[in-house]
Amino acid sequence: MTQRAERWLPLPRSHVERRALKQLAKVLAQFDELPRLAWVVPKLQSGWQAFSELRDILRLTDAELPRGDLRYLSTREFPQLEMARLCEIEKTTKAYHPQLRKRVTDSHCSSSAEAVILKYLDRYAKQLFGHPATYDDDGNVISVVERTNNVAEHFFGADKQKLRRRLGRANLGRDLEDQPAKAVLASNLLHSDYVRVLCGSLEHLPAAFAELDQETLREATPLQRSNRDSGLLKRIGALVAGEEPLPQSGIIVPQMRQPDASVTEF
């Protein structure tokens, strides 16, 4: 473990990094001294080796993350190479599956890490591959669907962080429900090709918003958290727009008092 940690920290190391490595070596030495923890070490190492072997078979690296490690070569920008890589991964996984089953059967251990991996492969192996691809008229691959949901998960996490900074609340369950699905399209304004198709340039963005249909905007979910006054605010908005609001239980609308006919006008 100490050797692996030293490989993770490149040379030259700072004083803080050297002190962290020294502290890590001291903590790891306690595992050998305490009998009640000694049995944990081989079990953790066995699980780590099985997990690392599966990652190597599936070729899962940090390069597939949105902010992935640039030291790994990523083929996502080259659809033809990405499709060939996925086919090679599928071929390797199909050969690994029966080998893993034989090892689990020979070991007679149903609680090992390899047995757990085998159980999930039996259940989800067919869903790991077969990702659809788009071809041009010549039969060349021009795009391949992502094989993981890393991009969507990281985008969702970053969007929650922005929402938490804006609202200052820890629980964002209702805020995410009230937020319209179209709100995530605002992040596309960071891409020049999207802006060019939408309005030409950011200078023309206000005009593009002004041309939107008012009826569509009125029916859209507002970018605010619903509360006990939301129904009343909608009725007030309908009255301001000159429309007849629908009756709603629990809200009392004051009526104009009719003049008394018995009162003599002067």
Foldseek 3Di string as FASTA:
>chain_A
DLVVLVVVDDPPDDPVSVVVSVVVVVVVVVCVVDPVNVVVVVQVVQLVVLVVVVCVLQVDAQVPAPPRDPVDDDCQQPQQVVVVVQVSSLVSVVVVLVVLVVVCVVVVDCPGNSNVVNVVCVVCVVVQDDWDFDADPVGGTDHTDDSDCNHVVVLVVVVVVVVCVVPVDPDCVQLVVLDDPCVSCVVVLVPPVVCCVQQNHPVRVVVSVVPDDPVVVLPRRDNDGDDPCPVVVNCVVCVVVVHHDDDDPPDDDDDDDDDDPPDDDD
